[in-house]
Amino acid sequence: MKIITLNTHSLVEKGYEKKLRQFADMVLAEQPDVFALQEVNQSVQAGCLAEEKLPGFVACPGIGRGLREDNHAARLAQILFAAAAPYYWTWVPAKLGYGKYDEGLAVFSRRPIVETDSFLISGCSDYYNWKTRRILGVKADGFKGGWFYTVHMGWWDDLEEPFSRQWERLEEHVKAAKEEGPLWLMGDFNSPDSVAGQGYDLVKKGGWLDTYEMAKEKGSGATVEEEIDGWRDLPLEGGGKGGQQGCEAPHGGGKKATAMRIDYIWCSRPVPVARSLVVCDGRAYPKVSDHYGVMIVAEEDKSL
């Protein structure tokens, strides 16, 4: 089984049209079974998308905002469908980003999606507050009852929305699902593995397994190699000064962040992982975002 996660940056990216096509080409080449995306945007002013233009879409109940014509996930699904590589997929918005985007999350699966799940992990539920955080998961046919969640966490030292409280809400919500089968958490955790005693260590303390560590073959694993939105040298307190309105919160750590591993694929139980590779880094496929993607290849196993 092949799984990919990527914080897409989507419509915010310069040269977006080219990068959308490049990412689609990577998916067509690799044919992942499941891939999870974060920062999946659409313009709030774009026209509504007709149902016939949503191949493979599975709606997540209780999510009010509809899809619009420039929705990043919808456009990707259309490209894959036209290339005879259709996926089942779902998308939910989480908050207003940059003052003009419905910023959300998406999960794509080659196998039919039989159930969806979305919930808040932030204490804040205000759609117009950029600190609002939501999680999206799917259960797909043929994966032995396992759930796949796309995750975009806040920061460890955010005084209003600290990582630790968001993680507590996430763990509490998925507690029952962890017993059904392998549960996967994929995405941007905004917590470097090199910083002891913070988010990475907290996740491991909960019994979650880092597939990068389990992999027989792997490289450096770094998913960010330059200063990016959300990691500027600015304070967090009081809603902060974090760059553009609606963008990611600044880290406030006092140092420029480079060569970090902050994007992960975690699993709730041991699985045999043959490879964990960084993709879309300019070496293994073109850069398409300010983050690089992570791809794992898990060997066939009864648990899968």
C-alpha atoms as a PDB file:
ATOM      1  CA  MET A   1       0.000   0.000   0.000  1.00  0.00           C
ATOM      2  CA  LYS A   2       1.256   3.454  -0.933  1.00  0.00           C
ATOM      3  CA  ILE A   3       0.286   6.586   1.040  1.00  0.00           C
ATOM      4  CA  ILE A   4       1.183  10.241   0.426  1.00  0.00           C
ATOM      5  CA  THR A   5       0.659  13.415   2.453  1.00  0.00           C
ATOM      6  CA  LEU A   6       1.279  17.009   1.344  1.00  0.00           C
ATOM      7  CA  ASN A   7       0.519  20.486   2.657  1.00  0.00           C
ATOM      8  CA  THR A   8      -0.389  21.863  -0.767  1.00  0.00           C
ATOM      9  CA  HIS A   9      -0.434  25.645  -0.184  1.00  0.00           C
ATOM     10  CA  SER A  10      -2.644  25.312  -3.304  1.00  0.00           C
ATOM     11  CA  LEU A  11      -4.077  28.597  -4.616  1.00  0.00           C
ATOM     12  CA  VAL A  12      -1.564  30.622  -2.587  1.00  0.00           C
ATOM     13  CA  GLU A  13       1.339  29.224  -4.621  1.00  0.00           C
ATOM     14  CA  LYS A  14       2.949  31.282  -7.398  1.00  0.00           C
ATOM     15  CA  GLY A  15       2.653  29.421 -10.686  1.00  0.00           C
ATOM     16  CA  TYR A  16      -0.314  27.516  -9.307  1.00  0.00           C
ATOM     17  CA  GLU A  17      -1.637  26.172 -12.617  1.00  0.00           C
ATOM     18  CA  LYS A  18       1.681  24.575 -13.509  1.00  0.00           C
ATOM     19  CA  LYS A  19       2.107  23.146 -10.020  1.00  0.00           C
ATOM     20  CA  LEU A  20      -1.392  21.663 -10.027  1.00  0.00           C
ATOM     21  CA  ARG A  21      -0.537  19.804 -13.220  1.00  0.00           C
ATOM     22  CA  GLN A  22       2.847  18.698 -11.839  1.00  0.00           C
ATOM     23  CA  PHE A  23       1.263  17.283  -8.699  1.00  0.00           C
ATOM     24  CA  ALA A  24      -1.360  15.471 -10.778  1.00  0.00           C
ATOM     25  CA  ASP A  25       1.438  13.992 -12.894  1.00  0.00           C
ATOM     26  CA  MET A  26       3.125  12.726  -9.724  1.00  0.00           C
ATOM     27  CA  VAL A  27      -0.108  11.063  -8.578  1.00  0.00           C
ATOM     28  CA  LEU A  28      -0.558   9.478 -12.004  1.00  0.00           C
ATOM     29  CA  ALA A  29       3.002   8.158 -11.907  1.00  0.00           C
ATOM     30  CA  GLU A  30       2.916   6.830  -8.327  1.00  0.00           C
ATOM     31  CA  GLN A  31      -0.739   5.726  -8.133  1.00  0.00           C
ATOM     32  CA  PRO A  32      -1.000   6.035  -4.334  1.00  0.00           C
ATOM     33  CA  ASP A  33      -3.793   4.092  -2.663  1.00  0.00           C
ATOM     34  CA  VAL A  34      -4.548   7.022  -0.360  1.00  0.00           C
ATOM     35  CA  PHE A  35      -3.288  10.583  -0.239  1.00  0.00           C
ATOM     36  CA  ALA A  36      -4.010  13.320   2.268  1.00  0.00           C
ATOM     37  CA  LEU A  37      -3.842  17.050   1.577  1.00  0.00           C
ATOM     38  CA  GLN A  38      -3.820  20.144   3.772  1.00  0.00           C
ATOM     39  CA  GLU A  39      -4.368  23.832   2.910  1.00  0.00           C
ATOM     40  CA  VAL A  40      -6.750  22.820   0.134  1.00  0.00           C
ATOM     41  CA  ASN A  41      -8.280  26.126  -0.864  1.00  0.00           C
ATOM     42  CA  GLN A  42     -11.047  27.647  -2.944  1.00  0.00           C
ATOM     43  CA  SER A  43     -11.861  31.311  -3.544  1.00  0.00           C
ATOM     44  CA  VAL A  44     -14.877  32.476  -1.568  1.00  0.00           C
ATOM     45  CA  GLN A  45     -15.974  34.573  -4.543  1.00  0.00           C
ATOM     46  CA  ALA A  46     -15.757  31.789  -7.150  1.00  0.00           C
ATOM     47  CA  GLY A  47     -18.900  30.338  -8.690  1.00  0.00           C
ATOM     48  CA  CYS A  48     -20.513  27.194  -7.314  1.00  0.00           C
ATOM     49  CA  LEU A  49     -19.403  23.897  -8.832  1.00  0.00           C
ATOM     50  CA  ALA A  50     -22.047  21.791 -10.550  1.00  0.00           C
ATOM     51  CA  GLU A  51     -22.490  18.224  -9.277  1.00  0.00           C
ATOM     52  CA  GLU A  52     -21.574  16.705 -12.638  1.00  0.00           C
ATOM     53  CA  LYS A  53     -18.142  18.323 -12.305  1.00  0.00           C
ATOM     54  CA  LEU A  54     -17.376  16.426  -9.088  1.00  0.00           C
ATOM     55  CA  PRO A  55     -16.245  12.946 -10.180  1.00  0.00           C
ATOM     56  CA  GLY A  56     -15.769  10.652  -7.185  1.00  0.00           C
ATOM     57  CA  PHE A  57     -16.822  13.225  -4.591  1.00  0.00           C
ATOM     58  CA  VAL A  58     -18.242  11.968  -1.273  1.00  0.00           C
ATOM     59  CA  ALA A  59     -19.792  14.694   0.863  1.00  0.00           C
ATOM     60  CA  CYS A  60     -18.987  14.894   4.560  1.00  0.00           C
ATOM     61  CA  PRO A  61     -22.302  15.289   6.468  1.00  0.00           C
ATOM     62  CA  GLY A  62     -22.836  18.464   8.457  1.00  0.00           C
ATOM     63  CA  ILE A  63     -20.350  20.572   6.501  1.00  0.00           C
ATOM     64  CA  GLY A  64     -22.204  23.591   5.197  1.00  0.00           C
ATOM     65  CA  ARG A  65     -20.011  25.284   2.604  1.00  0.00           C
ATOM     66  CA  GLY A  66     -20.223  23.939  -0.932  1.00  0.00           C
ATOM     67  CA  LEU A  67     -17.461  23.461  -3.469  1.00  0.00           C
ATOM     68  CA  ARG A  68     -16.546  26.251  -5.843  1.00  0.00           C
ATOM     69  CA  GLU A  69     -15.153  26.247  -9.360  1.00  0.00           C
ATOM     70  CA  ASP A  70     -11.501  26.754  -8.362  1.00  0.00           C
ATOM     71  CA  ASN A  71     -11.529  24.260  -5.474  1.00  0.00           C
ATOM     72  CA  HIS A  72      -8.068  22.696  -5.523  1.00  0.00           C
ATOM     73  CA  ALA A  73      -9.238  19.164  -4.673  1.00  0.00           C
ATOM     74  CA  ALA A  74     -12.045  19.278  -7.243  1.00  0.00           C
ATOM     75  CA  ARG A  75      -9.708  20.422 -10.000  1.00  0.00           C
ATOM     76  CA  LEU A  76      -7.231  17.693  -9.117  1.00  0.00           C
ATOM     77  CA  ALA A  77     -10.014  15.081  -9.159  1.00  0.00           C
ATOM     78  CA  GLN A  78     -11.114  16.298 -12.583  1.00  0.00           C
ATOM     79  CA  ILE A  79      -7.580  15.940 -13.993  1.00  0.00           C
ATOM     80  CA  LEU A  80      -7.181  12.432 -12.564  1.00  0.00           C
ATOM     81  CA  PHE A  81     -10.623  11.385 -13.853  1.00  0.00           C
ATOM     82  CA  ALA A  82      -9.813  12.689 -17.348  1.00  0.00           C
ATOM     83  CA  ALA A  83      -6.569  10.679 -17.267  1.00  0.00           C
ATOM     84  CA  ALA A  84      -8.534   7.465 -16.545  1.00  0.00           C
ATOM     85  CA  ALA A  85      -7.188   7.324 -12.965  1.00  0.00           C
ATOM     86  CA  PRO A  86     -10.297   8.208 -10.932  1.00  0.00           C
ATOM     87  CA  TYR A  87     -10.236   8.628  -7.167  1.00  0.00           C
ATOM     88  CA  TYR A  88     -12.918   8.823  -4.520  1.00  0.00           C
ATOM     89  CA  TRP A  89     -12.403  11.925  -2.429  1.00  0.00           C
ATOM     90  CA  THR A  90     -13.837  14.296   0.138  1.00  0.00           C
ATOM     91  CA  TRP A  91     -13.110  17.876   1.206  1.00  0.00           C
ATOM     92  CA  VAL A  92     -14.116  20.100   4.106  1.00  0.00           C
ATOM     93  CA  PRO A  93     -13.361  23.771   4.813  1.00  0.00           C
ATOM     94  CA  ALA A  94     -11.874  24.638   8.185  1.00  0.00           C
ATOM     95  CA  LYS A  95     -11.504  28.428   8.214  1.00  0.00           C
ATOM     96  CA  LEU A  96     -11.120  31.582   6.169  1.00  0.00           C
ATOM     97  CA  GLY A  97      -7.526  31.860   4.938  1.00  0.00           C
ATOM     98  CA  TYR A  98      -5.720  34.984   3.733  1.00  0.00           C
ATOM     99  CA  GLY A  99      -9.042  36.823   3.917  1.00  0.00           C
ATOM    100  CA  LYS A 100     -10.262  35.306   0.642  1.00  0.00           C
ATOM    101  CA  TYR A 101     -10.040  31.504   0.668  1.00  0.00           C
ATOM    102  CA  ASP A 102     -12.078  28.717   2.172  1.00  0.00           C
ATOM    103  CA  GLU A 103      -9.088  26.785   3.507  1.00  0.00           C
ATOM    104  CA  GLY A 104      -9.699  23.093   4.053  1.00  0.00           C
ATOM    105  CA  LEU A 105      -8.517  19.507   3.946  1.00  0.00           C
ATOM    106  CA  ALA A 106      -8.989  16.622   1.527  1.00  0.00           C
ATOM    107  CA  VAL A 107      -8.475  12.866   1.397  1.00  0.00           C
ATOM    108  CA  PHE A 108      -8.329  10.838  -1.841  1.00  0.00           C
ATOM    109  CA  SER A 109      -8.708   7.055  -2.045  1.00  0.00           C
ATOM    110  CA  ARG A 110      -8.516   4.604  -4.940  1.00  0.00           C
ATOM    111  CA  ARG A 111     -11.061   2.450  -3.142  1.00  0.00           C
ATOM    112  CA  PRO A 112     -14.645   3.562  -2.433  1.00  0.00           C
ATOM    113  CA  ILE A 113     -15.099   5.771   0.626  1.00  0.00           C
ATOM    114  CA  VAL A 114     -17.718   4.189   2.875  1.00  0.00           C
ATOM    115  CA  GLU A 115     -17.656   6.691   5.754  1.00  0.00           C
ATOM    116  CA  THR A 116     -16.338  10.181   6.509  1.00  0.00           C
ATOM    117  CA  ASP A 117     -15.542  11.990   9.742  1.00  0.00           C
ATOM    118  CA  SER A 118     -14.697  15.625  10.480  1.00  0.00           C
ATOM    119  CA  PHE A 119     -14.307  17.370  13.820  1.00  0.00           C
ATOM    120  CA  LEU A 120     -12.752  20.404  15.458  1.00  0.00           C
ATOM    121  CA  ILE A 121      -9.527  20.055  17.402  1.00  0.00           C
ATOM    122  CA  SER A 122      -9.248  23.748  18.270  1.00  0.00           C
ATOM    123  CA  GLY A 123     -11.096  25.305  21.169  1.00  0.00           C
ATOM    124  CA  CYS A 124     -12.002  28.054  18.733  1.00  0.00           C
ATOM    125  CA  SER A 125     -14.811  27.317  16.273  1.00  0.00           C
ATOM    126  CA  ASP A 126     -15.012  30.746  14.615  1.00  0.00           C
ATOM    127  CA  TYR A 127     -14.682  30.212  10.852  1.00  0.00           C
ATOM    128  CA  TYR A 128     -13.164  33.683  10.500  1.00  0.00           C
ATOM    129  CA  ASN A 129     -10.440  33.050  13.067  1.00  0.00           C
ATOM    130  CA  TRP A 130      -7.294  31.672  11.433  1.00  0.00           C
ATOM    131  CA  LYS A 131      -6.511  29.594  14.524  1.00  0.00           C
ATOM    132  CA  THR A 132      -9.548  27.349  13.991  1.00  0.00           C
ATOM    133  CA  ARG A 133      -8.409  23.778  13.249  1.00  0.00           C
ATOM    134  CA  ARG A 134     -10.417  20.873  11.877  1.00  0.00           C
ATOM    135  CA  ILE A 135      -9.565  17.236  11.059  1.00  0.00           C
ATOM    136  CA  LEU A 136     -10.964  15.119   8.221  1.00  0.00           C
ATOM    137  CA  GLY A 137     -10.964  11.332   7.963  1.00  0.00           C
ATOM    138  CA  VAL A 138     -12.281   8.574   5.721  1.00  0.00           C
ATOM    139  CA  LYS A 139     -12.863   4.869   5.979  1.00  0.00           C
ATOM    140  CA  ALA A 140     -12.407   3.174   2.606  1.00  0.00           C
ATOM    141  CA  ASP A 141     -13.575  -0.227   1.420  1.00  0.00           C
ATOM    142  CA  GLY A 142     -10.909  -2.934   1.571  1.00  0.00           C
ATOM    143  CA  PHE A 143      -8.568  -1.462   4.189  1.00  0.00           C
ATOM    144  CA  LYS A 144      -9.538  -3.803   7.051  1.00  0.00           C
ATOM    145  CA  GLY A 145     -11.574  -1.208   8.903  1.00  0.00           C
ATOM    146  CA  GLY A 146      -8.780   1.355   9.056  1.00  0.00           C
ATOM    147  CA  TRP A 147      -9.319   5.117   9.088  1.00  0.00           C
ATOM    148  CA  PHE A 148      -7.178   7.689   7.274  1.00  0.00           C
ATOM    149  CA  TYR A 149      -7.104  11.208   8.734  1.00  0.00           C
ATOM    150  CA  THR A 150      -5.589  14.333   7.222  1.00  0.00           C
ATOM    151  CA  VAL A 151      -4.184  16.526   9.989  1.00  0.00           C
ATOM    152  CA  HIS A 152      -3.062  20.144  10.252  1.00  0.00           C
ATOM    153  CA  MET A 153      -2.003  21.008  13.792  1.00  0.00           C
ATOM    154  CA  GLY A 154      -1.328  24.325  15.494  1.00  0.00           C
ATOM    155  CA  TRP A 155       1.900  25.271  17.295  1.00  0.00           C
ATOM    156  CA  TRP A 156       3.304  23.987  20.548  1.00  0.00           C
ATOM    157  CA  ASP A 157       3.803  27.428  22.091  1.00  0.00           C
ATOM    158  CA  ASP A 158       0.621  29.140  20.924  1.00  0.00           C
ATOM    159  CA  LEU A 159      -0.822  30.650  24.106  1.00  0.00           C
ATOM    160  CA  GLU A 160      -4.427  30.553  22.829  1.00  0.00           C
ATOM    161  CA  GLU A 161      -4.452  27.314  20.845  1.00  0.00           C
ATOM    162  CA  PRO A 162      -1.536  25.175  22.053  1.00  0.00           C
ATOM    163  CA  PHE A 163      -0.671  21.942  20.276  1.00  0.00           C
ATOM    164  CA  SER A 164      -1.145  19.906  23.452  1.00  0.00           C
ATOM    165  CA  ARG A 165      -4.849  20.742  23.857  1.00  0.00           C
ATOM    166  CA  GLN A 166      -5.548  20.159  20.169  1.00  0.00           C
ATOM    167  CA  TRP A 167      -3.815  16.799  20.421  1.00  0.00           C
ATOM    168  CA  GLU A 168      -5.897  15.843  23.466  1.00  0.00           C
ATOM    169  CA  ARG A 169      -9.106  16.501  21.503  1.00  0.00           C
ATOM    170  CA  LEU A 170      -7.836  14.522  18.528  1.00  0.00           C
ATOM    171  CA  GLU A 171      -6.850  11.502  20.610  1.00  0.00           C
ATOM    172  CA  GLU A 172     -10.134  11.489  22.491  1.00  0.00           C
ATOM    173  CA  HIS A 173     -12.148  11.567  19.265  1.00  0.00           C
ATOM    174  CA  VAL A 174     -10.311   8.702  17.530  1.00  0.00           C
ATOM    175  CA  LYS A 175      -9.987   6.493  20.616  1.00  0.00           C
ATOM    176  CA  ALA A 176     -12.706   4.037  19.524  1.00  0.00           C
ATOM    177  CA  ALA A 177     -11.614   3.990  15.872  1.00  0.00           C
ATOM    178  CA  LYS A 178      -8.083   2.941  16.910  1.00  0.00           C
ATOM    179  CA  GLU A 179      -9.535  -0.370  18.086  1.00  0.00           C
ATOM    180  CA  GLU A 180     -11.186  -1.158  14.732  1.00  0.00           C
ATOM    181  CA  GLY A 181      -8.053  -1.412  12.621  1.00  0.00           C
ATOM    182  CA  PRO A 182      -4.900   0.491  11.720  1.00  0.00           C
ATOM    183  CA  LEU A 183      -5.527   4.217  12.035  1.00  0.00           C
ATOM    184  CA  TRP A 184      -3.391   6.638  10.059  1.00  0.00           C
ATOM    185  CA  LEU A 185      -2.675  10.290  10.848  1.00  0.00           C
ATOM    186  CA  MET A 186      -1.137  12.109   7.887  1.00  0.00           C
ATOM    187  CA  GLY A 187      -0.171  15.712   7.529  1.00  0.00           C
ATOM    188  CA  ASP A 188       1.467  18.888   8.759  1.00  0.00           C
ATOM    189  CA  PHE A 189       2.027  18.662  12.511  1.00  0.00           C
ATOM    190  CA  ASN A 190       4.018  21.908  12.779  1.00  0.00           C
ATOM    191  CA  SER A 191       6.294  20.163  15.268  1.00  0.00           C
ATOM    192  CA  PRO A 192       9.885  19.276  14.328  1.00  0.00           C
ATOM    193  CA  ASP A 193      11.112  15.849  15.396  1.00  0.00           C
ATOM    194  CA  SER A 194      14.387  17.507  16.417  1.00  0.00           C
ATOM    195  CA  VAL A 195      12.784  19.525  19.247  1.00  0.00           C
ATOM    196  CA  ALA A 196      12.570  17.408  22.393  1.00  0.00           C
ATOM    197  CA  GLY A 197       9.645  17.604  24.797  1.00  0.00           C
ATOM    198  CA  GLN A 198       7.170  19.139  22.381  1.00  0.00           C
ATOM    199  CA  GLY A 199       4.624  17.937  19.814  1.00  0.00           C
ATOM    200  CA  TYR A 200       6.597  15.107  18.252  1.00  0.00           C
ATOM    201  CA  ASP A 201       7.381  13.540  21.614  1.00  0.00           C
ATOM    202  CA  LEU A 202       3.782  13.996  22.781  1.00  0.00           C
ATOM    203  CA  VAL A 203       2.448  12.070  19.767  1.00  0.00           C
ATOM    204  CA  LYS A 204       4.930   9.247  20.364  1.00  0.00           C
ATOM    205  CA  LYS A 205       4.017   9.167  24.038  1.00  0.00           C
ATOM    206  CA  GLY A 206       0.464   8.334  22.979  1.00  0.00           C
ATOM    207  CA  GLY A 207       1.690   5.133  21.350  1.00  0.00           C
ATOM    208  CA  TRP A 208       1.633   6.387  17.772  1.00  0.00           C
ATOM    209  CA  LEU A 209       4.327   5.026  15.467  1.00  0.00           C
ATOM    210  CA  ASP A 210       6.299   7.217  13.089  1.00  0.00           C
ATOM    211  CA  THR A 211       6.393   5.351   9.763  1.00  0.00           C
ATOM    212  CA  TYR A 212       9.626   7.156   8.895  1.00  0.00           C
ATOM    213  CA  GLU A 213      11.315   5.456  11.840  1.00  0.00           C
ATOM    214  CA  MET A 214       9.842   2.083  10.878  1.00  0.00           C
ATOM    215  CA  ALA A 215      10.923   2.298   7.242  1.00  0.00           C
ATOM    216  CA  LYS A 216      13.670   0.005   5.980  1.00  0.00           C
ATOM    217  CA  GLU A 217      14.692   2.602   3.380  1.00  0.00           C
ATOM    218  CA  LYS A 218      14.626   6.366   3.957  1.00  0.00           C
ATOM    219  CA  GLY A 219      16.450   9.604   3.360  1.00  0.00           C
ATOM    220  CA  SER A 220      16.779  12.712   5.547  1.00  0.00           C
ATOM    221  CA  GLY A 221      13.015  13.065   5.811  1.00  0.00           C
ATOM    222  CA  ALA A 222      13.101  16.886   5.816  1.00  0.00           C
ATOM    223  CA  THR A 223       9.856  18.341   4.484  1.00  0.00           C
ATOM    224  CA  VAL A 224      10.760  22.033   4.828  1.00  0.00           C
ATOM    225  CA  GLU A 225      14.120  23.467   3.795  1.00  0.00           C
ATOM    226  CA  GLU A 226      13.453  27.191   3.886  1.00  0.00           C
ATOM    227  CA  GLU A 227      11.535  29.773   5.895  1.00  0.00           C
ATOM    228  CA  ILE A 228       7.812  29.364   5.244  1.00  0.00           C
ATOM    229  CA  ASP A 229       4.458  30.860   6.215  1.00  0.00           C
ATOM    230  CA  GLY A 230       3.824  30.126   9.857  1.00  0.00           C
ATOM    231  CA  TRP A 231       7.472  29.987  10.916  1.00  0.00           C
ATOM    232  CA  ARG A 232       8.401  33.672  10.810  1.00  0.00           C
ATOM    233  CA  ASP A 233      10.280  35.135  13.762  1.00  0.00           C
ATOM    234  CA  LEU A 234       7.238  36.805  15.313  1.00  0.00           C
ATOM    235  CA  PRO A 235       5.308  36.400  18.605  1.00  0.00           C
ATOM    236  CA  LEU A 236       2.203  34.257  18.975  1.00  0.00           C
ATOM    237  CA  GLU A 237       0.497  35.869  21.927  1.00  0.00           C
ATOM    238  CA  GLY A 238      -2.895  37.504  21.484  1.00  0.00           C
ATOM    239  CA  GLY A 239      -3.557  36.384  17.942  1.00  0.00           C
ATOM    240  CA  GLY A 240      -0.233  37.770  16.902  1.00  0.00           C
ATOM    241  CA  LYS A 241       1.209  39.502  13.938  1.00  0.00           C
ATOM    242  CA  GLY A 242       1.543  36.402  11.808  1.00  0.00           C
ATOM    243  CA  GLY A 243       2.239  37.660   8.349  1.00  0.00           C
ATOM    244  CA  GLN A 244      -0.754  37.893   6.050  1.00  0.00           C
ATOM    245  CA  GLN A 245      -4.219  37.899   7.526  1.00  0.00           C
ATOM    246  CA  GLY A 246      -5.532  34.378   7.729  1.00  0.00           C
ATOM    247  CA  CYS A 247      -2.239  32.661   7.034  1.00  0.00           C
ATOM    248  CA  GLU A 248      -0.581  30.238   9.392  1.00  0.00           C
ATOM    249  CA  ALA A 249       0.428  31.463  12.800  1.00  0.00           C
ATOM    250  CA  PRO A 250       4.098  32.337  13.366  1.00  0.00           C
ATOM    251  CA  HIS A 251       6.188  30.015  15.462  1.00  0.00           C
ATOM    252  CA  GLY A 252       7.821  32.609  17.665  1.00  0.00           C
ATOM    253  CA  GLY A 253      10.884  30.524  18.388  1.00  0.00           C
ATOM    254  CA  GLY A 254      13.413  33.281  17.757  1.00  0.00           C
ATOM    255  CA  LYS A 255      15.229  31.429  14.963  1.00  0.00           C
ATOM    256  CA  LYS A 256      14.622  30.978  11.273  1.00  0.00           C
ATOM    257  CA  ALA A 257      13.343  27.487  10.578  1.00  0.00           C
ATOM    258  CA  THR A 258      15.175  25.457   7.945  1.00  0.00           C
ATOM    259  CA  ALA A 259      15.556  21.755   7.121  1.00  0.00           C
ATOM    260  CA  MET A 260      12.749  20.601   9.399  1.00  0.00           C
ATOM    261  CA  ARG A 261      10.784  17.378   9.423  1.00  0.00           C
ATOM    262  CA  ILE A 262       7.275  18.543  10.367  1.00  0.00           C
ATOM    263  CA  ASP A 263       5.106  16.465   8.009  1.00  0.00           C
ATOM    264  CA  TYR A 264       4.450  12.888   9.083  1.00  0.00           C
ATOM    265  CA  ILE A 265       2.544   9.691   8.472  1.00  0.00           C
ATOM    266  CA  TRP A 266       1.741   8.085  11.832  1.00  0.00           C
ATOM    267  CA  CYS A 267       0.100   4.721  12.393  1.00  0.00           C
ATOM    268  CA  SER A 268      -1.669   3.383  15.479  1.00  0.00           C
ATOM    269  CA  ARG A 269      -0.047  -0.056  15.251  1.00  0.00           C
ATOM    270  CA  PRO A 270       3.123  -1.628  13.848  1.00  0.00           C
ATOM    271  CA  VAL A 271       3.098  -2.150  10.094  1.00  0.00           C
ATOM    272  CA  PRO A 272       5.960  -3.236   7.829  1.00  0.00           C
ATOM    273  CA  VAL A 273       7.145  -0.143   5.939  1.00  0.00           C
ATOM    274  CA  ALA A 274       9.492  -0.750   3.034  1.00  0.00           C
ATOM    275  CA  ARG A 275      10.226   2.892   2.186  1.00  0.00           C
ATOM    276  CA  SER A 276       9.594   6.416   3.444  1.00  0.00           C
ATOM    277  CA  LEU A 277      10.494   8.993   0.835  1.00  0.00           C
ATOM    278  CA  VAL A 278      10.247  12.751   0.438  1.00  0.00           C
ATOM    279  CA  VAL A 279       8.494  13.736  -2.792  1.00  0.00           C
ATOM    280  CA  CYS A 280       7.801  17.004  -4.606  1.00  0.00           C
ATOM    281  CA  ASP A 281      11.100  18.390  -3.333  1.00  0.00           C
ATOM    282  CA  GLY A 282      12.660  19.295  -6.688  1.00  0.00           C
ATOM    283  CA  ARG A 283      14.509  15.988  -6.797  1.00  0.00           C
ATOM    284  CA  ALA A 284      11.796  13.346  -6.619  1.00  0.00           C
ATOM    285  CA  TYR A 285       9.260  15.333  -8.675  1.00  0.00           C
ATOM    286  CA  PRO A 286       9.040  19.146  -8.951  1.00  0.00           C
ATOM    287  CA  LYS A 287       8.352  21.399  -5.979  1.00  0.00           C
ATOM    288  CA  VAL A 288       4.666  22.280  -5.885  1.00  0.00           C
ATOM    289  CA  SER A 289       4.343  23.822  -2.405  1.00  0.00           C
ATOM    290  CA  ASP A 290       6.323  25.429   0.404  1.00  0.00           C
ATOM    291  CA  HIS A 291       6.241  21.956   2.009  1.00  0.00           C
ATOM    292  CA  TYR A 292       7.526  18.723   0.514  1.00  0.00           C
ATOM    293  CA  GLY A 293       5.384  15.623   0.499  1.00  0.00           C
ATOM    294  CA  VAL A 294       5.936  12.324   2.295  1.00  0.00           C
ATOM    295  CA  MET A 295       5.293   8.981   0.609  1.00  0.00           C
ATOM    296  CA  ILE A 296       5.453   5.595   2.290  1.00  0.00           C
ATOM    297  CA  VAL A 297       5.242   2.141   0.801  1.00  0.00           C
ATOM    298  CA  ALA A 298       3.887  -0.357   3.306  1.00  0.00           C
ATOM    299  CA  GLU A 299       4.458  -4.023   2.589  1.00  0.00           C
ATOM    300  CA  GLU A 300       1.474  -6.330   2.267  1.00  0.00           C
ATOM    301  CA  ASP A 301       0.365  -7.478   5.689  1.00  0.00           C
ATOM    302  CA  LYS A 302      -2.754  -8.982   7.267  1.00  0.00           C
ATOM    303  CA  SER A 303      -3.291  -5.769   9.213  1.00  0.00           C
ATOM    304  CA  LEU A 304      -3.742  -3.868   5.934  1.00  0.00           C
END
